[in-house]
Amino acid sequence: MFGKPLSTQSPIAAVVLTLATLIMGCPSTSDEPACKSADVLCVGLVTDVGSVDDKSFNQSSWEGVKRAESEFGAKTNYIETKDAKDYQTNIELFADKNYDIIVTVGFGLGEATVQSAQKYPEIKFIGVDQFQLPAIPNVVGLIFHEDQAGFMAGALAAMLTGTGTIAAVLGTDLVPPVEAFKRGYEVGARHVKADIKIISTFHPGGLDVAFTDPEWGASTAKQAIDQGADVVFAAGGTTGNGGLIETAAHAGKFCIGVDTDQWDTVPEARPCLVSCAMKLIAPGVFDLIKLAQAGRFPSGNHFGEVALAPLHDFDAKIAQDIKDKLAQIESGLRQGSIRANNN
């Protein structure tokens, strides 16, 4: 059961909330009656800066929320964050509407999520890519072994390169998961080819721009290709998507996506998109919502799965010995006989 006390608001606060709803594209006030019902599970999602259809991180998280709607009738909605200063406000728009679960997407929302969880202890919070320490009873961080996913991507890149040079186009190093992707990619590549040259470049901007700059992603990928890179790993939201699409414009080059199977979400990259270093975000979000519905919501940190995406049109072009080596590496990472970082 998901009953909870009704929130109280002053007339002024109600006006402010209504205006924010109209301006920011937030859930309409018609959502409120259902979310006061003990029989309806209401799940809201707050994106990181960017859109819910970013073909990457936000979109995968939303797909997990929508699965809860289709499988057990949860009432769902989302708010797209346009500016990082609005994180707290956006979360509270759902909290004030009596939502049962609020999913916040991305490392940048970590502080606002914890603060909101302390303010609204009756609401359950799922922080995607947010490491929780110390644990708070109504918060769980959905985190991943990005270094393992990056390791597999790097190993694949090293086995595919003909020039001996590969590249990574990355979001900001202010976000630990992005740093973990980079570290794993480099270690995985050198695991296969010790003398490989790796050109790794972080976006120079902050959280507000580092993942929404496809022009920078494209120009950075081109610079790496001009320096001899023939495989480009792109890990940085729509910034990375720019790198994928640019690489696709260069015949004979390979690219590797991130977070989800971007074969489906960035079809422009298909000419080069051999695979993706996936964090299985949608299943992870859904599993945590399902645990909440069953009264078994965890706290602390919950590890989601990682994997390489299918090879799709490249499957017939990739030698069997490369596929076998990737399978051995994946098994070694899971069993612990291969370490994804040098720490």
Protein backbone atom coordinates (compact mmCIF):
# COMPACT_ATOMS: atom_id res chain seq x y z
CA MET A 1 0.00 0.00 0.00
CA PHE A 2 1.27 3.46 -0.79
CA GLY A 3 -0.84 5.81 1.30
CA LYS A 4 0.79 8.96 2.67
CA PRO A 5 -0.20 12.19 4.35
CA LEU A 6 -1.43 14.99 2.16
CA SER A 7 0.97 17.88 1.77
CA THR A 8 -0.12 21.36 2.78
CA GLN A 9 0.67 24.49 0.81
CA SER A 10 0.15 28.17 1.26
CA PRO A 11 -1.82 29.96 -1.50
CA ILE A 12 1.39 31.66 -2.64
CA ALA A 13 3.26 28.35 -2.82
CA ALA A 14 0.42 26.84 -4.82
CA VAL A 15 0.62 29.68 -7.35
CA VAL A 16 4.40 29.28 -7.64
CA LEU A 17 4.03 25.53 -8.16
CA THR A 18 1.37 26.02 -10.82
CA LEU A 19 3.51 28.53 -12.71
CA ALA A 20 6.51 26.23 -12.53
CA THR A 21 4.39 23.41 -13.85
CA LEU A 22 3.29 25.43 -16.85
CA ILE A 23 6.73 26.82 -17.60
CA MET A 24 8.81 23.68 -17.11
CA GLY A 25 6.57 21.05 -18.61
CA CYS A 26 6.07 19.27 -15.29
CA PRO A 27 3.23 16.91 -14.39
CA SER A 28 -0.16 18.56 -14.58
CA THR A 29 -2.26 19.15 -11.49
CA SER A 30 -4.63 16.44 -12.73
CA ASP A 31 -2.02 13.95 -11.51
CA GLU A 32 -2.51 14.87 -7.86
CA PRO A 33 -5.74 13.00 -6.98
CA ALA A 34 -4.38 9.66 -8.22
CA CYS A 35 -1.13 10.11 -6.37
CA LYS A 36 -3.01 10.62 -3.11
CA SER A 37 -4.56 7.19 -3.52
CA ALA A 38 -3.17 4.25 -1.57
CA ASP A 39 -3.96 2.00 -4.55
CA VAL A 40 -1.86 3.78 -7.19
CA LEU A 41 1.93 3.69 -7.32
CA CYS A 42 3.18 7.05 -8.62
CA VAL A 43 6.70 7.24 -10.04
CA GLY A 44 8.30 10.50 -11.15
CA LEU A 45 11.59 10.94 -12.97
CA VAL A 46 13.81 14.02 -12.95
CA THR A 47 16.34 14.08 -15.78
CA ASP A 48 19.81 15.47 -15.61
CA VAL A 49 20.38 18.53 -17.79
CA GLY A 50 19.07 17.50 -21.17
CA SER A 51 16.01 15.77 -22.58
CA VAL A 52 14.23 12.55 -21.72
CA ASP A 53 14.76 11.42 -25.33
CA ASP A 54 18.51 12.04 -25.32
CA LYS A 55 19.12 8.59 -26.86
CA SER A 56 21.32 7.81 -23.90
CA PHE A 57 21.23 8.03 -20.11
CA ASN A 58 18.02 9.94 -19.40
CA GLN A 59 16.10 7.97 -22.00
CA SER A 60 17.22 4.59 -20.63
CA SER A 61 16.14 5.57 -17.12
CA TRP A 62 12.74 6.71 -18.40
CA GLU A 63 12.29 3.40 -20.23
CA GLY A 64 12.72 1.63 -16.88
CA VAL A 65 10.05 3.84 -15.31
CA LYS A 66 7.68 3.30 -18.23
CA ARG A 67 8.08 -0.45 -17.88
CA ALA A 68 6.64 -0.15 -14.37
CA GLU A 69 3.63 1.57 -15.92
CA SER A 70 3.06 -1.18 -18.47
CA GLU A 71 3.71 -4.13 -16.15
CA PHE A 72 1.84 -3.14 -13.00
CA GLY A 73 -0.05 0.03 -13.75
CA ALA A 74 2.20 2.59 -12.10
CA LYS A 75 1.36 6.23 -12.81
CA THR A 76 4.44 7.87 -14.31
CA ASN A 77 5.66 11.28 -15.37
CA TYR A 78 8.92 13.15 -15.87
CA ILE A 79 10.49 16.57 -15.59
CA GLU A 80 13.30 17.63 -17.93
CA THR A 81 15.94 19.68 -16.14
CA LYS A 82 17.07 22.68 -18.18
CA ASP A 83 19.52 24.10 -15.65
CA ALA A 84 21.43 22.39 -12.84
CA LYS A 85 20.24 25.00 -10.34
CA ASP A 86 16.72 23.57 -10.76
CA TYR A 87 17.53 20.06 -9.49
CA GLN A 88 16.02 20.60 -6.04
CA THR A 89 12.98 22.46 -7.34
CA ASN A 90 12.20 19.77 -9.88
CA ILE A 91 12.40 16.99 -7.31
CA GLU A 92 10.11 18.89 -4.97
CA LEU A 93 7.51 19.33 -7.70
CA PHE A 94 6.99 15.57 -7.54
CA ALA A 95 7.35 15.39 -3.76
CA ASP A 96 4.66 18.04 -3.29
CA LYS A 97 2.34 15.98 -5.51
CA ASN A 98 2.70 12.97 -3.21
CA TYR A 99 4.62 10.71 -5.58
CA ASP A 100 5.69 7.42 -4.01
CA ILE A 101 8.99 7.03 -5.86
CA ILE A 102 11.22 9.67 -7.42
CA VAL A 103 13.97 8.62 -9.82
CA THR A 104 16.76 11.17 -10.26
CA VAL A 105 19.13 10.67 -13.15
CA GLY A 106 22.83 11.32 -12.98
CA PHE A 107 25.69 12.10 -10.65
CA GLY A 108 24.87 15.81 -10.68
CA LEU A 109 21.58 15.26 -8.84
CA GLY A 110 23.22 13.36 -5.98
CA GLU A 111 23.26 16.15 -3.41
CA ALA A 112 19.73 17.33 -4.22
CA THR A 113 18.46 13.75 -4.01
CA VAL A 114 19.90 13.20 -0.54
CA GLN A 115 18.58 16.52 0.71
CA SER A 116 15.11 15.74 -0.64
CA ALA A 117 15.15 12.24 0.85
CA GLN A 118 15.89 13.69 4.26
CA LYS A 119 13.08 16.21 3.85
CA TYR A 120 10.57 13.62 2.59
CA PRO A 121 11.32 10.37 4.46
CA GLU A 122 8.04 8.81 3.31
CA ILE A 123 9.14 8.95 -0.35
CA LYS A 124 11.52 6.42 -1.89
CA PHE A 125 14.33 7.79 -4.05
CA ILE A 126 16.32 6.00 -6.75
CA GLY A 127 19.50 7.88 -7.66
CA VAL A 128 20.85 6.64 -10.99
CA ASP A 129 24.66 6.81 -11.02
CA GLN A 130 24.70 8.20 -7.48
CA PHE A 131 26.93 6.41 -4.98
CA GLN A 132 25.40 6.46 -1.51
CA LEU A 133 27.60 6.84 1.55
CA PRO A 134 26.40 6.78 4.24
CA ALA A 135 23.24 4.82 3.50
CA ILE A 136 19.89 6.57 3.98
CA PRO A 137 16.85 4.32 4.53
CA ASN A 138 14.72 5.76 1.71
CA VAL A 139 17.46 6.18 -0.91
CA VAL A 140 19.17 3.63 -3.15
CA GLY A 141 21.93 4.43 -5.59
CA LEU A 142 21.79 2.50 -8.86
CA ILE A 143 25.44 2.20 -9.81
CA PHE A 144 27.44 0.16 -12.29
CA HIS A 145 30.89 -1.25 -12.90
CA GLU A 146 31.62 1.21 -15.70
CA ASP A 147 35.26 0.22 -15.67
CA GLN A 148 34.27 -3.32 -16.69
CA ALA A 149 32.07 -2.08 -19.54
CA GLY A 150 34.85 0.27 -20.62
CA PHE A 151 37.40 -2.56 -20.40
CA MET A 152 35.40 -4.68 -22.85
CA ALA A 153 35.03 -1.69 -25.19
CA GLY A 154 38.77 -1.02 -25.04
CA ALA A 155 39.62 -4.65 -25.67
CA LEU A 156 37.32 -4.68 -28.70
CA ALA A 157 38.83 -1.43 -29.99
CA ALA A 158 42.37 -2.82 -29.65
CA MET A 159 41.42 -5.96 -31.59
CA LEU A 160 39.80 -3.91 -34.37
CA THR A 161 42.36 -1.16 -34.91
CA GLY A 162 44.50 -1.32 -38.00
CA THR A 163 46.48 1.84 -37.24
CA GLY A 164 47.37 1.06 -33.63
CA THR A 165 45.63 4.26 -32.51
CA ILE A 166 42.22 4.49 -30.85
CA ALA A 167 40.34 7.36 -29.20
CA ALA A 168 37.78 8.19 -26.54
CA VAL A 169 35.47 11.24 -26.65
CA LEU A 170 34.22 11.80 -23.11
CA GLY A 171 31.96 13.95 -20.97
CA THR A 172 33.44 15.75 -17.99
CA ASP A 173 35.89 14.08 -15.62
CA LEU A 174 33.90 15.68 -12.79
CA VAL A 175 31.60 12.65 -13.05
CA PRO A 176 33.21 9.49 -11.58
CA PRO A 177 31.40 7.04 -13.92
CA VAL A 178 32.83 8.84 -16.95
CA GLU A 179 36.30 8.62 -15.45
CA ALA A 180 35.67 4.91 -14.79
CA PHE A 181 34.66 4.34 -18.42
CA LYS A 182 37.89 6.02 -19.57
CA ARG A 183 40.08 4.09 -17.14
CA GLY A 184 38.53 0.76 -18.08
CA TYR A 185 38.75 1.54 -21.80
CA GLU A 186 42.45 2.27 -21.58
CA VAL A 187 43.26 -0.73 -19.37
CA GLY A 188 41.20 -3.04 -21.59
CA ALA A 189 42.92 -1.81 -24.74
CA ARG A 190 46.37 -2.31 -23.24
CA HIS A 191 45.36 -5.75 -21.97
CA VAL A 192 45.09 -6.73 -25.63
CA LYS A 193 47.77 -4.50 -27.19
CA ALA A 194 50.34 -3.17 -24.75
CA ASP A 195 51.82 -0.57 -27.11
CA ILE A 196 48.53 0.85 -28.40
CA LYS A 197 48.20 4.64 -28.69
CA ILE A 198 45.10 6.05 -26.99
CA ILE A 199 43.78 9.58 -27.48
CA SER A 200 41.33 10.26 -24.62
CA THR A 201 39.71 13.69 -24.36
CA PHE A 202 37.35 15.01 -21.68
CA HIS A 203 34.95 17.86 -22.39
CA PRO A 204 36.40 21.00 -20.78
CA GLY A 205 33.06 22.32 -19.51
CA GLY A 206 31.06 21.71 -16.37
CA LEU A 207 28.05 19.54 -15.69
CA ASP A 208 25.75 22.06 -17.35
CA VAL A 209 27.28 21.65 -20.81
CA ALA A 210 29.58 18.62 -20.91
CA PHE A 211 26.89 16.15 -21.95
CA THR A 212 24.89 18.35 -24.32
CA ASP A 213 27.54 19.51 -26.78
CA PRO A 214 27.46 17.32 -29.92
CA GLU A 215 29.43 19.88 -31.91
CA TRP A 216 32.38 19.52 -29.53
CA GLY A 217 32.00 15.73 -29.64
CA ALA A 218 32.11 15.76 -33.43
CA SER A 219 35.11 18.07 -33.70
CA THR A 220 37.03 16.10 -31.05
CA ALA A 221 36.37 12.81 -32.85
CA LYS A 222 37.54 14.35 -36.12
CA GLN A 223 40.75 15.59 -34.50
CA ALA A 224 41.47 12.11 -33.20
CA ILE A 225 40.76 10.56 -36.61
CA ASP A 226 43.07 13.11 -38.21
CA GLN A 227 45.75 11.89 -35.78
CA GLY A 228 45.33 8.30 -36.94
CA ALA A 229 42.59 6.90 -34.70
CA ASP A 230 40.40 4.36 -36.48
CA VAL A 231 38.21 3.40 -33.50
CA VAL A 232 36.37 6.02 -31.42
CA PHE A 233 34.66 5.28 -28.10
CA ALA A 234 32.10 7.97 -27.24
CA ALA A 235 30.88 8.28 -23.64
CA GLY A 236 29.11 11.55 -22.98
CA GLY A 237 25.38 11.80 -23.71
CA THR A 238 24.57 13.86 -26.78
CA THR A 239 28.17 15.11 -26.74
CA GLY A 240 29.27 11.54 -27.36
CA ASN A 241 26.56 11.10 -29.97
CA GLY A 242 28.21 13.87 -31.96
CA GLY A 243 31.43 11.87 -31.88
CA LEU A 244 29.67 8.75 -33.12
CA ILE A 245 27.97 10.52 -36.00
CA GLU A 246 31.20 12.24 -37.05
CA THR A 247 33.07 8.93 -37.03
CA ALA A 248 30.36 7.39 -39.21
CA ALA A 249 31.19 9.98 -41.86
CA HIS A 250 34.69 8.52 -42.22
CA ALA A 251 34.68 5.33 -44.25
CA GLY A 252 36.40 2.35 -42.69
CA LYS A 253 36.35 3.67 -39.11
CA PHE A 254 34.72 1.98 -36.12
CA CYS A 255 32.87 3.59 -33.25
CA ILE A 256 31.63 2.25 -29.91
CA GLY A 257 28.71 3.80 -28.08
CA VAL A 258 27.79 3.87 -24.41
CA ASP A 259 25.09 3.32 -21.77
CA THR A 260 22.50 1.68 -24.08
CA ASP A 261 22.43 -0.08 -27.44
CA GLN A 262 22.75 3.00 -29.59
CA TRP A 263 22.14 1.01 -32.74
CA ASP A 264 18.49 1.67 -32.00
CA THR A 265 18.78 5.23 -30.74
CA VAL A 266 21.47 6.78 -32.97
CA PRO A 267 20.89 5.16 -36.38
CA GLU A 268 23.08 7.81 -38.03
CA ALA A 269 26.06 6.08 -36.39
CA ARG A 270 25.33 2.62 -37.83
CA PRO A 271 28.01 2.81 -40.56
CA CYS A 272 30.66 2.68 -37.80
CA LEU A 273 28.79 1.44 -34.71
CA VAL A 274 30.28 -1.95 -33.95
CA SER A 275 28.98 -2.20 -30.37
CA CYS A 276 28.23 -0.23 -27.19
CA ALA A 277 29.50 -0.41 -23.61
CA MET A 278 26.12 -0.78 -22.00
CA LYS A 279 24.96 -0.08 -18.50
CA LEU A 280 21.66 -1.92 -18.28
CA ILE A 281 19.94 1.12 -16.82
CA ALA A 282 16.33 0.43 -17.77
CA PRO A 283 16.26 -3.05 -16.18
CA GLY A 284 18.04 -1.70 -13.09
CA VAL A 285 15.54 1.13 -12.60
CA PHE A 286 12.60 -1.20 -13.14
CA ASP A 287 13.94 -3.82 -10.72
CA LEU A 288 14.26 -1.23 -7.95
CA ILE A 289 10.74 0.09 -8.57
CA LYS A 290 9.46 -3.48 -8.43
CA LEU A 291 11.26 -4.05 -5.11
CA ALA A 292 9.64 -0.89 -3.77
CA GLN A 293 6.22 -2.06 -4.87
CA ALA A 294 6.83 -5.39 -3.11
CA GLY A 295 7.85 -3.68 0.13
CA ARG A 296 11.49 -4.76 -0.21
CA PHE A 297 13.08 -1.45 -1.18
CA PRO A 298 16.84 -1.55 -0.45
CA SER A 299 19.06 1.28 0.73
CA GLY A 300 22.70 2.07 0.10
CA ASN A 301 23.94 0.95 -3.31
CA HIS A 302 22.57 -1.52 -5.85
CA PHE A 303 24.79 -2.66 -8.73
CA GLY A 304 23.19 -2.97 -12.14
CA GLU A 305 24.58 -5.17 -14.90
CA VAL A 306 26.95 -4.13 -17.70
CA ALA A 307 27.54 -5.75 -21.09
CA LEU A 308 28.61 -5.15 -24.66
CA ALA A 309 25.76 -4.60 -27.10
CA PRO A 310 25.23 -7.00 -30.03
CA LEU A 311 27.45 -6.52 -33.08
CA HIS A 312 24.41 -6.14 -35.38
CA ASP A 313 25.51 -5.64 -39.01
CA PHE A 314 29.15 -6.11 -38.01
CA ASP A 315 28.58 -9.61 -36.65
CA ALA A 316 29.52 -11.34 -39.89
CA LYS A 317 32.51 -9.04 -40.37
CA ILE A 318 34.12 -9.65 -36.97
CA ALA A 319 36.43 -12.65 -36.83
CA GLN A 320 35.42 -15.52 -34.57
CA ASP A 321 38.67 -15.34 -32.63
CA ILE A 322 37.79 -11.74 -31.63
CA LYS A 323 34.36 -12.86 -30.44
CA ASP A 324 35.91 -15.74 -28.49
CA LYS A 325 38.45 -13.41 -26.88
CA LEU A 326 35.67 -10.98 -25.86
CA ALA A 327 33.73 -13.85 -24.29
CA GLN A 328 36.81 -14.90 -22.32
CA ILE A 329 37.36 -11.34 -21.14
CA GLU A 330 33.74 -10.94 -20.06
CA SER A 331 33.95 -14.19 -18.11
CA GLY A 332 37.21 -13.14 -16.49
CA LEU A 333 35.77 -9.79 -15.43
CA ARG A 334 32.73 -11.43 -13.88
CA GLN A 335 34.79 -14.04 -12.06
CA GLY A 336 37.44 -11.56 -10.92
CA SER A 337 40.38 -13.17 -12.72
CA ILE A 338 40.70 -10.02 -14.84
CA ARG A 339 40.79 -6.61 -13.20
CA ALA A 340 39.22 -3.69 -15.01
CA ASN A 341 41.49 -1.07 -13.49
CA ASN A 342 45.03 -0.71 -12.22
CA ASN A 343 43.99 0.19 -8.65
